[in-house]
Amino acid sequence: MALSSPENQDCTPSVGASFGPPTIFLDSDGDLRLRVTADDDHTQDFVVCSRALMRLSPVFKALLAGGFQESRPTDGEWIVPLPDDDRGALLTLLNIIHGRFGKVPENPPLEELYRILCVANKYDLTGAVRPWASKWAKLADEAQKDKTGGNPVMLVFIAWELGYQELYVKIVERLVGECSINEKGHLTTLKGLCLEDYDHIGPLDLLEKIGDSRKATIQSILNMFHDLSKALLDGDHCHQRTTAPKSSIFCDYVIFGSLCRATVKIRGSLLKESADDITQSANSFCYVTQRIIDSITWISDHSNCSPAPRLTGKLLEALLTPQDEIVTPDHKLSMKKQ
């Protein structure tokens, strides 16, 4: 049974009732009314074609034709409540489903684009937005290049959902470097955004991968310093120990002493053994340890014994997260399908 719409108002808002926004007719012959309740408790009704929804969305097909309570009733109007959906984002997707392409935003703000893709992900409709994927991915890329850097949590999900692997890798690498650990033990961005507060961020194992990569980066830096300290205490560091064994011991002790002094002066304490005890971001930790390296001193005629150049090189290596740790073969396959 088609739902009636006001005369000459096919695919436009109907005359609204006083209790909420007017009904929006996506199809003047629509047989289904989707009822969305917003946070302000106002409802927004969309009259749509159920067949169009089921053709493009496996989720809607299961919902509407799978024998659930949302299936078509034997009598009366067919109304399906969608209490948790964003009205604006859903409308964009419904416009796409019903061929109203002129009403689809070409340059949506980043937050709006994120909401659209969250709803698309929920109803398995990402394939339907493919004609806009390239342009929307470009918007996300421009946002991360902006001086504000955009919202990295939204950006990584947008890149994932649109299958934009290059941007996805770039943002994940950024999160690995920038995220610290808050008082609840959760990953948090420079701007204080807690990654676990977002329902949509990307693949299910993304938080784990970011956390593991951050921890591995910090642990490799800690190991580097502890290995140096051990070599200095064991008298195995000085490059002149075979030709001048007495001065080599003094050389090692001078470097070790300056290393400890710089560490306490800059950090307030000696370095921990485990990355589990470090809450600051990998980038911040790297900055602090570089300051320590720059403060190391050595005997004037033992300049080739300075560990600084080697430590700085290893520090840079530690910050380079291998791409295969960020994008697994399964991730690549998933993004290719988007």
Protein backbone atom coordinates (compact mmCIF):
# COMPACT_ATOMS: atom_id res chain seq x y z
CA MET A 1 0.00 0.00 0.00
CA ALA A 2 1.48 3.32 -1.06
CA LEU A 3 1.51 6.06 1.55
CA SER A 4 -0.19 9.26 0.53
CA SER A 5 1.83 12.45 0.15
CA PRO A 6 0.60 16.01 -0.20
CA GLU A 7 -0.43 16.98 -3.69
CA ASN A 8 2.49 18.07 -5.91
CA GLN A 9 4.95 17.27 -3.12
CA ASP A 10 6.50 14.06 -4.39
CA CYS A 11 9.96 13.54 -2.81
CA THR A 12 9.72 16.72 -0.73
CA PRO A 13 8.84 17.39 2.92
CA SER A 14 5.17 17.11 3.63
CA VAL A 15 3.16 19.60 5.62
CA GLY A 16 4.50 18.88 9.11
CA ALA A 17 2.64 17.97 12.21
CA SER A 18 3.05 20.25 15.19
CA PHE A 19 4.93 17.68 17.30
CA GLY A 20 7.97 17.27 15.07
CA PRO A 21 9.64 17.84 11.71
CA PRO A 22 7.56 17.24 8.59
CA THR A 23 7.55 13.85 6.93
CA ILE A 24 10.03 13.57 4.07
CA PHE A 25 8.80 11.62 1.06
CA LEU A 26 11.67 9.95 -0.76
CA ASP A 27 9.17 8.13 -2.93
CA SER A 28 5.63 9.43 -3.50
CA ASP A 29 4.53 5.80 -3.92
CA GLY A 30 6.56 4.60 -0.94
CA ASP A 31 5.20 1.70 1.06
CA LEU A 32 7.37 2.04 4.16
CA ARG A 33 7.73 4.72 6.82
CA LEU A 34 11.06 4.88 8.63
CA ARG A 35 10.75 6.66 11.94
CA VAL A 36 13.95 8.12 13.38
CA THR A 37 14.02 9.51 16.91
CA ALA A 38 16.74 12.09 17.53
CA ASP A 39 18.48 12.97 20.77
CA ASP A 40 16.01 15.82 21.22
CA ASP A 41 13.20 13.22 21.27
CA HIS A 42 11.72 14.63 18.06
CA THR A 43 10.85 12.07 15.43
CA GLN A 44 11.59 12.36 11.73
CA ASP A 45 9.60 10.19 9.33
CA PHE A 46 10.91 9.12 5.91
CA VAL A 47 8.51 7.54 3.44
CA VAL A 48 10.57 5.22 1.24
CA CYS A 49 10.39 2.33 -1.19
CA SER A 50 11.09 -0.84 0.75
CA ARG A 51 12.26 -2.68 -2.37
CA ALA A 52 14.86 -0.02 -3.11
CA LEU A 53 16.22 -0.37 0.41
CA MET A 54 16.36 -4.14 0.23
CA ARG A 55 18.05 -4.13 -3.19
CA LEU A 56 21.00 -2.06 -1.95
CA SER A 57 21.25 -2.99 1.73
CA PRO A 58 21.59 -6.62 2.91
CA VAL A 59 20.91 -5.37 6.43
CA PHE A 60 17.62 -3.74 5.47
CA LYS A 61 16.73 -6.85 3.48
CA ALA A 62 17.21 -9.04 6.54
CA LEU A 63 15.39 -6.52 8.73
CA LEU A 64 12.38 -6.04 6.48
CA ALA A 65 12.03 -9.47 4.93
CA GLY A 66 13.59 -11.73 7.52
CA GLY A 67 10.56 -12.42 9.65
CA PHE A 68 11.47 -9.92 12.35
CA GLN A 69 9.01 -7.57 14.00
CA GLU A 70 10.03 -4.92 11.43
CA SER A 71 8.58 -7.02 8.60
CA ARG A 72 5.51 -5.79 6.71
CA PRO A 73 2.37 -6.03 8.88
CA THR A 74 -0.73 -7.85 7.63
CA ASP A 75 -2.75 -4.67 8.00
CA GLY A 76 -2.20 -1.01 8.78
CA GLU A 77 0.69 1.24 7.89
CA TRP A 78 4.18 -0.25 7.72
CA ILE A 79 6.31 1.72 10.21
CA VAL A 80 9.85 0.75 11.21
CA PRO A 81 11.46 2.65 14.11
CA LEU A 82 15.17 3.49 13.79
CA PRO A 83 15.87 5.09 17.19
CA ASP A 84 19.65 5.20 17.00
CA ASP A 85 20.32 6.68 13.56
CA ASP A 86 21.52 10.14 12.64
CA ARG A 87 18.69 11.81 10.69
CA GLY A 88 20.87 13.88 8.36
CA ALA A 89 23.23 11.03 7.56
CA LEU A 90 20.36 8.62 6.93
CA LEU A 91 18.66 11.15 4.65
CA THR A 92 21.81 11.40 2.53
CA LEU A 93 21.88 7.62 2.10
CA LEU A 94 18.15 7.47 1.37
CA ASN A 95 18.63 10.14 -1.30
CA ILE A 96 21.30 7.94 -2.90
CA ILE A 97 19.11 4.83 -2.68
CA HIS A 98 16.20 6.64 -4.33
CA GLY A 99 18.29 8.24 -7.06
CA ARG A 100 18.06 11.79 -5.70
CA PHE A 101 21.70 12.43 -6.46
CA GLY A 102 21.32 16.20 -6.66
CA LYS A 103 20.60 16.23 -2.93
CA VAL A 104 23.79 14.36 -2.02
CA PRO A 105 26.44 16.73 -0.57
CA GLU A 106 29.62 16.83 -2.65
CA ASN A 107 31.70 18.63 -0.02
CA PRO A 108 30.30 17.70 3.38
CA PRO A 109 32.18 18.84 6.51
CA LEU A 110 34.38 16.15 8.01
CA GLU A 111 32.01 15.41 10.92
CA GLU A 112 29.04 15.08 8.57
CA LEU A 113 30.98 12.76 6.29
CA TYR A 114 31.93 10.64 9.28
CA ARG A 115 28.27 10.35 10.35
CA ILE A 116 27.19 9.41 6.83
CA LEU A 117 29.75 6.62 6.66
CA CYS A 118 28.86 5.38 10.15
CA VAL A 119 25.26 4.87 9.04
CA ALA A 120 26.46 3.39 5.72
CA ASN A 121 28.59 0.92 7.64
CA LYS A 122 25.66 -0.03 9.89
CA TYR A 123 23.41 -0.91 6.94
CA ASP A 124 26.17 -2.27 4.68
CA LEU A 125 25.62 0.58 2.23
CA THR A 126 29.21 1.67 1.69
CA GLY A 127 29.11 0.31 -1.85
CA ALA A 128 26.25 2.68 -2.61
CA VAL A 129 28.44 5.74 -1.94
CA ARG A 130 31.18 4.60 -4.32
CA PRO A 131 30.43 7.32 -6.93
CA TRP A 132 31.31 9.90 -4.25
CA ALA A 133 34.19 7.96 -2.68
CA SER A 134 37.02 9.61 -4.58
CA LYS A 135 35.85 13.15 -3.87
CA TRP A 136 35.05 12.43 -0.25
CA ALA A 137 38.45 10.77 0.25
CA LYS A 138 40.08 13.88 -1.17
CA LEU A 139 38.18 15.99 1.38
CA ALA A 140 39.53 13.78 4.17
CA ASP A 141 43.05 14.04 2.79
CA GLU A 142 42.79 17.83 2.69
CA ALA A 143 41.49 17.85 6.25
CA GLN A 144 44.51 15.97 7.59
CA LYS A 145 46.83 18.37 5.76
CA ASP A 146 45.11 21.37 7.34
CA LYS A 147 46.99 23.12 10.16
CA THR A 148 44.50 21.72 12.66
CA GLY A 149 45.11 18.20 11.40
CA GLY A 150 41.42 17.34 11.50
CA ASN A 151 40.00 14.69 13.81
CA PRO A 152 42.31 11.67 13.33
CA VAL A 153 39.73 9.22 14.71
CA MET A 154 37.14 10.32 12.15
CA LEU A 155 39.77 10.49 9.42
CA VAL A 156 41.01 6.94 9.93
CA PHE A 157 37.45 5.57 9.78
CA ILE A 158 36.64 7.59 6.65
CA ALA A 159 39.81 6.32 4.97
CA TRP A 160 39.00 2.75 6.01
CA GLU A 161 35.37 2.88 4.92
CA LEU A 162 36.19 4.46 1.53
CA GLY A 163 39.06 2.02 0.91
CA TYR A 164 41.67 4.80 0.76
CA GLN A 165 44.70 2.78 1.91
CA GLU A 166 47.32 5.51 1.56
CA LEU A 167 45.45 7.90 3.84
CA TYR A 168 44.54 5.08 6.23
CA VAL A 169 48.20 4.15 6.73
CA LYS A 170 49.18 7.79 7.16
CA ILE A 171 46.58 8.42 9.88
CA VAL A 172 47.28 5.16 11.73
CA GLU A 173 50.99 6.03 11.79
CA ARG A 174 50.04 9.43 13.17
CA LEU A 175 47.90 7.83 15.90
CA VAL A 176 50.71 5.41 16.83
CA GLY A 177 53.03 8.38 17.35
CA GLU A 178 50.58 10.82 18.94
CA CYS A 179 48.49 8.68 21.29
CA SER A 180 49.19 8.68 25.00
CA ILE A 181 47.52 6.61 27.73
CA ASN A 182 44.93 8.33 29.93
CA GLU A 183 44.12 7.60 33.57
CA LYS A 184 41.74 4.82 32.51
CA GLY A 185 44.40 3.12 30.42
CA HIS A 186 42.84 4.18 27.10
CA LEU A 187 44.52 5.55 23.99
CA THR A 188 44.07 9.33 23.76
CA THR A 189 45.02 11.78 21.01
CA LEU A 190 46.90 15.07 21.40
CA LYS A 191 43.55 16.89 21.58
CA GLY A 192 42.27 14.62 24.32
CA LEU A 193 40.06 12.45 22.10
CA CYS A 194 39.71 8.96 23.58
CA LEU A 195 39.75 6.38 20.79
CA GLU A 196 37.50 4.02 22.75
CA ASP A 197 34.76 6.66 22.88
CA TYR A 198 34.15 6.16 19.15
CA ASP A 199 31.94 3.29 18.03
CA HIS A 200 33.31 3.49 14.50
CA ILE A 201 37.04 3.70 13.95
CA GLY A 202 37.96 1.01 11.42
CA PRO A 203 38.77 -2.71 11.61
CA LEU A 204 37.98 -4.45 14.88
CA ASP A 205 41.65 -4.94 15.74
CA LEU A 206 42.73 -1.35 15.02
CA LEU A 207 42.85 -0.17 18.64
CA GLU A 208 44.92 -3.20 19.56
CA LYS A 209 47.32 -2.59 16.68
CA ILE A 210 47.78 1.08 17.53
CA GLY A 211 48.38 0.22 21.19
CA ASP A 212 50.82 -2.59 20.36
CA SER A 213 52.75 -0.48 17.84
CA ARG A 214 52.99 2.43 20.29
CA LYS A 215 54.24 0.11 23.01
CA ALA A 216 56.74 -1.60 20.68
CA THR A 217 58.14 1.78 19.63
CA ILE A 218 58.66 2.93 23.22
CA GLN A 219 60.06 -0.45 24.29
CA SER A 220 62.65 -0.40 21.51
CA ILE A 221 63.82 3.04 22.72
CA LEU A 222 64.01 1.82 26.33
CA ASN A 223 65.96 -1.27 25.25
CA MET A 224 68.38 0.92 23.33
CA PHE A 225 69.22 2.95 26.44
CA HIS A 226 69.37 -0.05 28.75
CA ASP A 227 71.67 -1.92 26.36
CA LEU A 228 73.97 1.10 26.24
CA SER A 229 73.95 1.37 30.04
CA LYS A 230 74.89 -2.29 30.40
CA ALA A 231 77.74 -1.96 27.90
CA LEU A 232 79.04 1.12 29.74
CA LEU A 233 78.89 -0.57 33.16
CA ASP A 234 80.58 -3.70 31.79
CA GLY A 235 83.35 -1.61 30.22
CA ASP A 236 82.48 -2.84 26.72
CA HIS A 237 81.67 0.45 25.02
CA CYS A 238 84.88 2.49 24.64
CA HIS A 239 86.34 2.13 21.15
CA GLN A 240 89.90 2.53 22.53
CA ARG A 241 89.77 -0.15 25.20
CA THR A 242 92.36 -2.34 23.40
CA THR A 243 94.94 0.44 23.04
CA ALA A 244 94.25 2.35 26.24
CA PRO A 245 92.50 0.01 28.69
CA LYS A 246 92.77 2.31 31.72
CA SER A 247 91.36 5.38 30.04
CA SER A 248 88.65 3.25 28.38
CA ILE A 249 87.10 2.48 31.77
CA PHE A 250 87.11 6.17 32.61
CA CYS A 251 85.57 6.89 29.17
CA ASP A 252 82.69 4.50 29.79
CA TYR A 253 82.04 5.89 33.26
CA VAL A 254 82.00 9.49 32.02
CA ILE A 255 79.41 8.63 29.36
CA PHE A 256 77.36 6.57 31.82
CA GLY A 257 77.43 9.32 34.42
CA SER A 258 76.37 11.99 31.94
CA LEU A 259 73.62 9.70 30.64
CA CYS A 260 72.18 9.17 34.13
CA ARG A 261 72.51 12.84 35.03
CA ALA A 262 70.78 13.99 31.83
CA THR A 263 67.99 11.43 32.24
CA VAL A 264 67.16 12.50 35.80
CA LYS A 265 67.49 16.19 34.97
CA ILE A 266 65.22 15.99 31.91
CA ARG A 267 62.74 13.32 32.99
CA GLY A 268 62.89 13.65 36.76
CA SER A 269 63.79 9.97 37.13
CA LEU A 270 65.71 7.18 35.43
CA LEU A 271 64.13 5.34 32.51
CA LYS A 272 61.68 2.53 33.27
CA GLU A 273 62.35 -1.05 32.22
CA SER A 274 58.99 -1.62 30.53
CA ALA A 275 56.90 0.40 28.09
CA ASP A 276 53.88 -0.57 30.19
CA ASP A 277 55.06 2.05 32.69
CA ILE A 278 55.21 4.86 30.11
CA THR A 279 51.97 6.77 29.54
CA GLN A 280 53.22 9.58 27.30
CA SER A 281 53.01 9.32 23.51
CA ALA A 282 55.77 7.73 21.45
CA ASN A 283 56.50 11.09 19.81
CA SER A 284 56.77 12.85 23.16
CA PHE A 285 58.94 10.08 24.58
CA CYS A 286 61.16 10.25 21.52
CA TYR A 287 61.54 14.02 21.94
CA VAL A 288 62.54 13.61 25.58
CA THR A 289 65.05 10.86 24.83
CA GLN A 290 66.59 12.92 22.02
CA ARG A 291 67.18 15.70 24.56
CA ILE A 292 68.92 13.13 26.77
CA ILE A 293 71.08 12.00 23.85
CA ASP A 294 72.04 15.58 23.06
CA SER A 295 73.17 16.02 26.69
CA ILE A 296 75.59 13.06 26.76
CA THR A 297 79.24 14.03 27.26
CA TRP A 298 82.50 12.14 26.65
CA ILE A 299 86.27 12.53 27.03
CA SER A 300 87.59 15.12 24.61
CA ASP A 301 90.05 12.74 22.89
CA HIS A 302 87.44 9.95 22.70
CA SER A 303 84.99 11.67 20.35
CA ASN A 304 84.55 8.47 18.36
CA CYS A 305 83.17 6.88 21.53
CA SER A 306 80.15 9.18 21.60
CA PRO A 307 76.99 7.04 21.41
CA ALA A 308 74.90 10.04 20.29
CA PRO A 309 74.95 9.53 16.48
CA ARG A 310 74.08 5.85 16.77
CA LEU A 311 71.35 6.48 19.33
CA THR A 312 69.77 9.21 17.19
CA GLY A 313 69.75 6.87 14.18
CA LYS A 314 68.11 4.10 16.20
CA LEU A 315 65.61 6.59 17.56
CA LEU A 316 64.49 7.48 14.05
CA GLU A 317 64.27 3.78 13.14
CA ALA A 318 62.07 3.13 16.17
CA LEU A 319 59.53 5.69 15.00
CA LEU A 320 59.09 3.97 11.64
CA THR A 321 56.21 1.53 12.06
CA PRO A 322 56.38 -1.23 9.42
CA GLN A 323 53.38 -0.88 7.12
CA ASP A 324 52.58 -4.59 7.31
CA GLU A 325 51.97 -4.12 11.05
CA ILE A 326 49.32 -1.51 10.24
CA VAL A 327 47.68 -2.98 7.15
CA THR A 328 47.40 -6.75 7.20
CA PRO A 329 46.47 -8.77 4.08
CA ASP A 330 42.91 -8.99 5.46
CA HIS A 331 42.78 -5.19 5.85
CA LYS A 332 43.95 -4.71 2.26
CA LEU A 333 41.32 -7.13 1.03
CA SER A 334 38.58 -5.38 3.01
CA MET A 335 39.53 -1.92 1.73
CA LYS A 336 39.77 -3.21 -1.83
CA LYS A 337 36.18 -4.42 -1.58
CA GLN A 338 34.88 -1.03 -0.42
